[in-house]
Amino acid sequence: MAKIKSLKSILTPFFSFWVTILFAQGDGSAGITEATSMVTSYFDPATKLIYAIGAIVGLIGGVKVYSKFSSGDPDTGKTAAAWFGACIFLIVAATILRSFFL
């Protein structure tokens, strides 16, 4: 009798484990489809946010370049190129990411 109880106490967790794994198996396509739709739904607001950040960076850069130009700073061109490049990068990066993932 003791041998049956010990065998039962060993086999019960073993079969419970395998039954759980077998019921958990599935193709997973529904979960992948749901995750894909959730991720792609974030791209439009994220793109608009990046465009807004680009506009703010452009305004700040314009003010900085104007102040350097007004004070007669010799490296105004370099500063203008840096701020303009940052704005272009933000716009192009948002557009490329959107077209790459959607």
C-alpha atoms as a PDB file:
ATOM      1  CA  MET A   1       0.000   0.000   0.000  1.00  0.00           C
ATOM      2  CA  ALA A   2       2.840   2.384   0.810  1.00  0.00           C
ATOM      3  CA  LYS A   3       4.411   1.627  -2.564  1.00  0.00           C
ATOM      4  CA  ILE A   4       1.192   2.628  -4.386  1.00  0.00           C
ATOM      5  CA  LYS A   5       0.938   5.897  -2.421  1.00  0.00           C
ATOM      6  CA  SER A   6       4.532   6.820  -3.226  1.00  0.00           C
ATOM      7  CA  LEU A   7       4.019   5.937  -6.901  1.00  0.00           C
ATOM      8  CA  LYS A   8       0.805   7.954  -6.909  1.00  0.00           C
ATOM      9  CA  SER A   9       2.528  10.954  -5.303  1.00  0.00           C
ATOM     10  CA  ILE A  10       5.238  10.816  -7.996  1.00  0.00           C
ATOM     11  CA  LEU A  11       2.991  10.265 -11.013  1.00  0.00           C
ATOM     12  CA  THR A  12       0.305  12.824 -10.118  1.00  0.00           C
ATOM     13  CA  PRO A  13       2.534  15.900 -10.519  1.00  0.00           C
ATOM     14  CA  PHE A  14       4.174  14.349 -13.590  1.00  0.00           C
ATOM     15  CA  PHE A  15       0.884  13.840 -15.437  1.00  0.00           C
ATOM     16  CA  SER A  16      -0.522  17.150 -14.198  1.00  0.00           C
ATOM     17  CA  PHE A  17       2.485  18.891 -15.701  1.00  0.00           C
ATOM     18  CA  TRP A  18       2.058  17.206 -19.084  1.00  0.00           C
ATOM     19  CA  VAL A  19      -1.699  17.768 -19.187  1.00  0.00           C
ATOM     20  CA  THR A  20      -1.123  21.470 -18.536  1.00  0.00           C
ATOM     21  CA  ILE A  21       1.459  21.676 -21.300  1.00  0.00           C
ATOM     22  CA  LEU A  22      -0.726  19.818 -23.783  1.00  0.00           C
ATOM     23  CA  PHE A  23      -3.693  22.078 -23.130  1.00  0.00           C
ATOM     24  CA  ALA A  24      -1.484  25.147 -23.406  1.00  0.00           C
ATOM     25  CA  GLN A  25      -0.330  24.217 -26.905  1.00  0.00           C
ATOM     26  CA  GLY A  26      -1.886  26.200 -29.734  1.00  0.00           C
ATOM     27  CA  ASP A  27      -0.892  27.894 -32.925  1.00  0.00           C
ATOM     28  CA  GLY A  28      -0.680  31.344 -31.294  1.00  0.00           C
ATOM     29  CA  SER A  29      -1.774  33.149 -34.438  1.00  0.00           C
ATOM     30  CA  ALA A  30      -4.586  34.971 -32.644  1.00  0.00           C
ATOM     31  CA  GLY A  31      -2.149  36.388 -30.089  1.00  0.00           C
ATOM     32  CA  ILE A  32       0.350  37.416 -32.743  1.00  0.00           C
ATOM     33  CA  THR A  33      -2.379  39.094 -34.783  1.00  0.00           C
ATOM     34  CA  GLU A  34      -3.626  40.991 -31.738  1.00  0.00           C
ATOM     35  CA  ALA A  35      -0.101  42.105 -30.810  1.00  0.00           C
ATOM     36  CA  THR A  36       0.536  43.269 -34.379  1.00  0.00           C
ATOM     37  CA  SER A  37      -2.651  45.311 -34.462  1.00  0.00           C
ATOM     38  CA  MET A  38      -1.840  46.874 -31.091  1.00  0.00           C
ATOM     39  CA  VAL A  39       1.679  47.867 -32.147  1.00  0.00           C
ATOM     40  CA  THR A  40       0.579  49.268 -35.513  1.00  0.00           C
ATOM     41  CA  SER A  41      -2.143  51.316 -33.835  1.00  0.00           C
ATOM     42  CA  TYR A  42       0.568  53.295 -32.002  1.00  0.00           C
ATOM     43  CA  PHE A  43       2.376  54.435 -35.161  1.00  0.00           C
ATOM     44  CA  ASP A  44       0.006  57.223 -36.205  1.00  0.00           C
ATOM     45  CA  PRO A  45       0.040  59.026 -32.817  1.00  0.00           C
ATOM     46  CA  ALA A  46       3.793  58.455 -32.473  1.00  0.00           C
ATOM     47  CA  THR A  47       4.422  59.925 -35.932  1.00  0.00           C
ATOM     48  CA  LYS A  48       2.359  62.991 -35.084  1.00  0.00           C
ATOM     49  CA  LEU A  49       4.242  63.353 -31.798  1.00  0.00           C
ATOM     50  CA  ILE A  50       7.599  63.216 -33.598  1.00  0.00           C
ATOM     51  CA  TYR A  51       6.389  65.849 -36.092  1.00  0.00           C
ATOM     52  CA  ALA A  52       5.348  68.086 -33.174  1.00  0.00           C
ATOM     53  CA  ILE A  53       8.735  67.614 -31.511  1.00  0.00           C
ATOM     54  CA  GLY A  54      10.384  68.486 -34.842  1.00  0.00           C
ATOM     55  CA  ALA A  55       8.359  71.700 -35.031  1.00  0.00           C
ATOM     56  CA  ILE A  56       9.351  72.675 -31.490  1.00  0.00           C
ATOM     57  CA  VAL A  57      13.013  71.908 -32.221  1.00  0.00           C
ATOM     58  CA  GLY A  58      12.738  74.032 -35.369  1.00  0.00           C
ATOM     59  CA  LEU A  59      11.308  76.985 -33.448  1.00  0.00           C
ATOM     60  CA  ILE A  60      13.959  76.754 -30.746  1.00  0.00           C
ATOM     61  CA  GLY A  61      16.658  76.450 -33.383  1.00  0.00           C
ATOM     62  CA  GLY A  62      15.304  79.468 -35.241  1.00  0.00           C
ATOM     63  CA  VAL A  63      15.420  81.575 -32.106  1.00  0.00           C
ATOM     64  CA  LYS A  64      18.973  80.437 -31.294  1.00  0.00           C
ATOM     65  CA  VAL A  65      20.194  81.114 -34.837  1.00  0.00           C
ATOM     66  CA  TYR A  66      18.521  84.538 -34.832  1.00  0.00           C
ATOM     67  CA  SER A  67      20.154  85.448 -31.521  1.00  0.00           C
ATOM     68  CA  LYS A  68      23.586  84.342 -32.794  1.00  0.00           C
ATOM     69  CA  PHE A  69      23.053  86.238 -36.050  1.00  0.00           C
ATOM     70  CA  SER A  70      21.972  89.379 -34.186  1.00  0.00           C
ATOM     71  CA  SER A  71      24.987  89.267 -31.896  1.00  0.00           C
ATOM     72  CA  GLY A  72      27.382  88.836 -34.837  1.00  0.00           C
ATOM     73  CA  ASP A  73      28.665  85.399 -33.828  1.00  0.00           C
ATOM     74  CA  PRO A  74      30.919  83.982 -36.574  1.00  0.00           C
ATOM     75  CA  ASP A  75      29.667  80.382 -36.351  1.00  0.00           C
ATOM     76  CA  THR A  76      26.019  81.190 -37.103  1.00  0.00           C
ATOM     77  CA  GLY A  77      26.076  79.030 -40.229  1.00  0.00           C
ATOM     78  CA  LYS A  78      27.278  75.987 -38.330  1.00  0.00           C
ATOM     79  CA  THR A  79      24.580  76.429 -35.695  1.00  0.00           C
ATOM     80  CA  ALA A  80      21.885  76.885 -38.332  1.00  0.00           C
ATOM     81  CA  ALA A  81      23.033  73.741 -40.156  1.00  0.00           C
ATOM     82  CA  ALA A  82      22.989  71.722 -36.929  1.00  0.00           C
ATOM     83  CA  TRP A  83      19.452  72.768 -35.949  1.00  0.00           C
ATOM     84  CA  PHE A  84      18.151  72.385 -39.502  1.00  0.00           C
ATOM     85  CA  GLY A  85      19.732  68.920 -39.713  1.00  0.00           C
ATOM     86  CA  ALA A  86      18.089  67.907 -36.449  1.00  0.00           C
ATOM     87  CA  CYS A  87      14.667  68.924 -37.752  1.00  0.00           C
ATOM     88  CA  ILE A  88      15.166  67.112 -41.045  1.00  0.00           C
ATOM     89  CA  PHE A  89      16.370  63.999 -39.219  1.00  0.00           C
ATOM     90  CA  LEU A  90      13.261  63.899 -37.016  1.00  0.00           C
ATOM     91  CA  ILE A  91      10.908  64.255 -39.971  1.00  0.00           C
ATOM     92  CA  VAL A  92      12.730  61.722 -42.147  1.00  0.00           C
ATOM     93  CA  ALA A  93      13.131  59.231 -39.299  1.00  0.00           C
ATOM     94  CA  ALA A  94       9.418  59.350 -38.490  1.00  0.00           C
ATOM     95  CA  THR A  95       8.481  58.908 -42.148  1.00  0.00           C
ATOM     96  CA  ILE A  96      10.898  56.039 -42.721  1.00  0.00           C
ATOM     97  CA  LEU A  97       9.868  54.219 -39.545  1.00  0.00           C
ATOM     98  CA  ARG A  98       6.213  54.554 -40.478  1.00  0.00           C
ATOM     99  CA  SER A  99       6.769  53.258 -44.021  1.00  0.00           C
ATOM    100  CA  PHE A 100       9.057  50.475 -42.801  1.00  0.00           C
ATOM    101  CA  PHE A 101       6.680  49.023 -40.217  1.00  0.00           C
ATOM    102  CA  LEU A 102       3.321  49.663 -41.893  1.00  0.00           C
END
